[in-house]
Amino acid sequence: MNITYTLLIIFCATKPLKLNNQQKTILAKHAGVARHAYNWGLATCIKEYEETKKRPSAITLHKRLVAEVKSINS
């Protein structure tokens, strides 16, 4: 983590954000996408571990998710 990001986290944790409706919507969508990606990755890791007793790397998970999203959206 770089210092700018750390300071941003500290600032946001101590000061309330003043968001308009559009910004609130975008923030909620980003949180939903992040939650979906985490849950998908966790389920994939559990499934693969049960089958092979090995956990996929973060890079492998990322490539699989991107491929899956592309196949759904194309």
N, C-alpha and C. Protein backbone atom coordinates (compact mmCIF):
# COMPACT_ATOMS: atom_id res chain seq x y z
N MET A 1 0.84 -1.18 0.00
CA MET A 1 0.00 0.00 0.00
C MET A 1 0.88 1.24 0.00
N ASN A 2 0.55 2.18 -0.85
CA ASN A 2 1.36 3.39 -0.84
C ASN A 2 0.80 4.39 0.17
N ILE A 3 1.58 5.41 0.46
CA ILE A 3 1.23 6.38 1.50
C ILE A 3 -0.03 7.17 1.15
N THR A 4 -0.22 7.49 -0.13
CA THR A 4 -1.40 8.25 -0.53
C THR A 4 -2.67 7.46 -0.25
N TYR A 5 -2.65 6.18 -0.59
CA TYR A 5 -3.81 5.32 -0.36
C TYR A 5 -4.10 5.20 1.14
N THR A 6 -3.04 5.04 1.93
CA THR A 6 -3.19 4.93 3.38
C THR A 6 -3.79 6.20 3.95
N LEU A 7 -3.31 7.34 3.50
CA LEU A 7 -3.85 8.61 3.99
C LEU A 7 -5.30 8.78 3.56
N LEU A 8 -5.64 8.33 2.37
CA LEU A 8 -7.03 8.41 1.90
C LEU A 8 -7.93 7.58 2.79
N ILE A 9 -7.48 6.39 3.15
CA ILE A 9 -8.27 5.52 4.03
C ILE A 9 -8.47 6.19 5.38
N ILE A 10 -7.42 6.75 5.93
CA ILE A 10 -7.52 7.42 7.22
C ILE A 10 -8.46 8.61 7.12
N PHE A 11 -8.34 9.40 6.06
CA PHE A 11 -9.20 10.57 5.88
C PHE A 11 -10.66 10.15 5.76
N CYS A 12 -10.92 9.14 4.96
CA CYS A 12 -12.30 8.69 4.75
C CYS A 12 -12.89 8.08 6.00
N ALA A 13 -12.05 7.48 6.82
CA ALA A 13 -12.55 6.86 8.05
C ALA A 13 -12.89 7.91 9.09
N THR A 14 -12.29 9.09 9.00
CA THR A 14 -12.53 10.11 10.01
C THR A 14 -13.48 11.20 9.54
N LYS A 15 -13.67 11.34 8.24
CA LYS A 15 -14.54 12.38 7.70
C LYS A 15 -15.67 11.72 6.91
N PRO A 16 -16.90 12.10 7.17
CA PRO A 16 -17.99 11.53 6.38
C PRO A 16 -17.94 12.03 4.93
N LEU A 17 -18.23 11.14 4.01
CA LEU A 17 -18.25 11.53 2.61
C LEU A 17 -19.58 12.22 2.31
N LYS A 18 -19.52 13.26 1.50
CA LYS A 18 -20.73 13.95 1.08
C LYS A 18 -20.98 13.57 -0.37
N LEU A 19 -21.76 12.51 -0.56
CA LEU A 19 -21.99 11.98 -1.90
C LEU A 19 -23.37 12.39 -2.40
N ASN A 20 -23.44 12.68 -3.69
CA ASN A 20 -24.74 12.91 -4.29
C ASN A 20 -25.35 11.56 -4.66
N ASN A 21 -26.57 11.55 -5.18
CA ASN A 21 -27.26 10.29 -5.47
C ASN A 21 -26.52 9.45 -6.50
N GLN A 22 -25.97 10.09 -7.53
CA GLN A 22 -25.24 9.35 -8.57
C GLN A 22 -24.00 8.68 -7.98
N GLN A 23 -23.27 9.39 -7.14
CA GLN A 23 -22.07 8.84 -6.51
C GLN A 23 -22.42 7.69 -5.56
N LYS A 24 -23.53 7.81 -4.84
CA LYS A 24 -23.97 6.74 -3.95
C LYS A 24 -24.30 5.49 -4.75
N THR A 25 -24.95 5.66 -5.89
CA THR A 25 -25.30 4.52 -6.74
C THR A 25 -24.06 3.83 -7.27
N ILE A 26 -23.10 4.60 -7.75
CA ILE A 26 -21.85 4.04 -8.28
C ILE A 26 -21.09 3.30 -7.18
N LEU A 27 -21.02 3.89 -5.99
CA LEU A 27 -20.33 3.25 -4.87
C LEU A 27 -21.00 1.93 -4.50
N ALA A 28 -22.31 1.89 -4.49
CA ALA A 28 -23.03 0.66 -4.16
C ALA A 28 -22.80 -0.41 -5.23
N LYS A 29 -22.76 -0.01 -6.50
CA LYS A 29 -22.50 -0.97 -7.58
C LYS A 29 -21.10 -1.56 -7.46
N HIS A 30 -20.11 -0.72 -7.17
CA HIS A 30 -18.74 -1.21 -7.02
C HIS A 30 -18.65 -2.19 -5.85
N ALA A 31 -19.31 -1.88 -4.76
CA ALA A 31 -19.29 -2.78 -3.60
C ALA A 31 -19.95 -4.10 -3.95
N GLY A 32 -21.01 -4.07 -4.73
CA GLY A 32 -21.69 -5.29 -5.14
C GLY A 32 -20.83 -6.16 -6.04
N VAL A 33 -20.12 -5.53 -6.96
CA VAL A 33 -19.23 -6.27 -7.86
C VAL A 33 -18.08 -6.90 -7.07
N ALA A 34 -17.52 -6.15 -6.15
CA ALA A 34 -16.42 -6.68 -5.34
C ALA A 34 -16.90 -7.86 -4.50
N ARG A 35 -18.09 -7.75 -3.92
CA ARG A 35 -18.64 -8.83 -3.12
C ARG A 35 -18.88 -10.07 -3.98
N HIS A 36 -19.41 -9.87 -5.19
CA HIS A 36 -19.65 -10.98 -6.11
C HIS A 36 -18.33 -11.67 -6.47
N ALA A 37 -17.30 -10.90 -6.79
CA ALA A 37 -16.01 -11.47 -7.17
C ALA A 37 -15.40 -12.26 -6.01
N TYR A 38 -15.50 -11.73 -4.80
CA TYR A 38 -14.97 -12.42 -3.63
C TYR A 38 -15.71 -13.74 -3.41
N ASN A 39 -17.03 -13.69 -3.43
CA ASN A 39 -17.82 -14.91 -3.20
C ASN A 39 -17.56 -15.96 -4.29
N TRP A 40 -17.45 -15.51 -5.54
CA TRP A 40 -17.15 -16.43 -6.64
C TRP A 40 -15.79 -17.07 -6.43
N GLY A 41 -14.79 -16.28 -6.08
CA GLY A 41 -13.44 -16.79 -5.86
C GLY A 41 -13.39 -17.77 -4.69
N LEU A 42 -14.09 -17.47 -3.62
CA LEU A 42 -14.12 -18.36 -2.47
C LEU A 42 -14.77 -19.69 -2.83
N ALA A 43 -15.89 -19.63 -3.52
CA ALA A 43 -16.57 -20.87 -3.93
C ALA A 43 -15.69 -21.69 -4.88
N THR A 44 -15.01 -21.03 -5.79
CA THR A 44 -14.12 -21.72 -6.72
C THR A 44 -12.95 -22.37 -5.98
N CYS A 45 -12.37 -21.67 -5.02
CA CYS A 45 -11.26 -22.23 -4.24
C CYS A 45 -11.72 -23.45 -3.45
N ILE A 46 -12.87 -23.36 -2.82
CA ILE A 46 -13.37 -24.49 -2.03
C ILE A 46 -13.62 -25.69 -2.92
N LYS A 47 -14.27 -25.46 -4.07
CA LYS A 47 -14.58 -26.56 -4.98
C LYS A 47 -13.30 -27.23 -5.49
N GLU A 48 -12.33 -26.42 -5.91
CA GLU A 48 -11.09 -26.98 -6.45
C GLU A 48 -10.28 -27.69 -5.37
N TYR A 49 -10.28 -27.15 -4.16
CA TYR A 49 -9.55 -27.81 -3.07
C TYR A 49 -10.16 -29.17 -2.75
N GLU A 50 -11.49 -29.24 -2.75
CA GLU A 50 -12.14 -30.52 -2.48
C GLU A 50 -11.83 -31.55 -3.56
N GLU A 51 -11.68 -31.09 -4.81
CA GLU A 51 -11.41 -32.01 -5.92
C GLU A 51 -9.94 -32.40 -6.02
N THR A 52 -9.04 -31.44 -5.84
CA THR A 52 -7.62 -31.70 -6.12
C THR A 52 -6.70 -31.52 -4.91
N LYS A 53 -7.22 -31.03 -3.81
CA LYS A 53 -6.41 -30.71 -2.60
C LYS A 53 -5.36 -29.63 -2.88
N LYS A 54 -5.59 -28.83 -3.93
CA LYS A 54 -4.73 -27.69 -4.24
C LYS A 54 -5.60 -26.45 -4.39
N ARG A 55 -5.03 -25.30 -4.01
CA ARG A 55 -5.75 -24.05 -4.13
C ARG A 55 -5.24 -23.30 -5.36
N PRO A 56 -6.14 -22.78 -6.20
CA PRO A 56 -5.68 -22.03 -7.37
C PRO A 56 -5.04 -20.70 -6.95
N SER A 57 -4.11 -20.23 -7.77
CA SER A 57 -3.45 -18.95 -7.46
C SER A 57 -4.40 -17.80 -7.78
N ALA A 58 -4.07 -16.63 -7.27
CA ALA A 58 -4.88 -15.45 -7.52
C ALA A 58 -4.91 -15.12 -9.01
N ILE A 59 -3.80 -15.32 -9.69
CA ILE A 59 -3.74 -15.05 -11.13
C ILE A 59 -4.66 -15.99 -11.89
N THR A 60 -4.66 -17.25 -11.51
CA THR A 60 -5.52 -18.23 -12.15
C THR A 60 -6.99 -17.87 -11.93
N LEU A 61 -7.33 -17.50 -10.71
CA LEU A 61 -8.71 -17.09 -10.42
C LEU A 61 -9.11 -15.87 -11.24
N HIS A 62 -8.21 -14.90 -11.32
CA HIS A 62 -8.50 -13.69 -12.09
C HIS A 62 -8.76 -14.02 -13.55
N LYS A 63 -7.92 -14.86 -14.14
CA LYS A 63 -8.08 -15.24 -15.54
C LYS A 63 -9.41 -15.97 -15.76
N ARG A 64 -9.76 -16.86 -14.84
CA ARG A 64 -11.03 -17.58 -14.96
C ARG A 64 -12.23 -16.64 -14.88
N LEU A 65 -12.18 -15.72 -13.92
CA LEU A 65 -13.29 -14.78 -13.78
C LEU A 65 -13.45 -13.91 -15.00
N VAL A 66 -12.35 -13.39 -15.52
CA VAL A 66 -12.41 -12.55 -16.72
C VAL A 66 -12.97 -13.34 -17.89
N ALA A 67 -12.52 -14.57 -18.06
CA ALA A 67 -13.02 -15.41 -19.16
C ALA A 67 -14.51 -15.69 -19.00
N GLU A 68 -14.95 -15.95 -17.77
CA GLU A 68 -16.36 -16.22 -17.53
C GLU A 68 -17.23 -14.99 -17.80
N VAL A 69 -16.78 -13.84 -17.34
CA VAL A 69 -17.54 -12.61 -17.56
C VAL A 69 -17.60 -12.27 -19.05
N LYS A 70 -16.48 -12.45 -19.75
CA LYS A 70 -16.46 -12.18 -21.20
C LYS A 70 -17.42 -13.11 -21.94
N SER A 71 -17.46 -14.38 -21.55
CA SER A 71 -18.35 -15.32 -22.24
C SER A 71 -19.82 -14.99 -21.97
N ILE A 72 -20.12 -14.47 -20.79
CA ILE A 72 -21.49 -14.11 -20.46
C ILE A 72 -21.90 -12.83 -21.21
N ASN A 73 -21.00 -11.87 -21.29
CA ASN A 73 -21.32 -10.56 -21.88
C ASN A 73 -21.16 -10.49 -23.39
N SER A 74 -20.64 -11.53 -24.03
CA SER A 74 -20.44 -11.45 -25.47
C SER A 74 -21.54 -12.15 -26.24
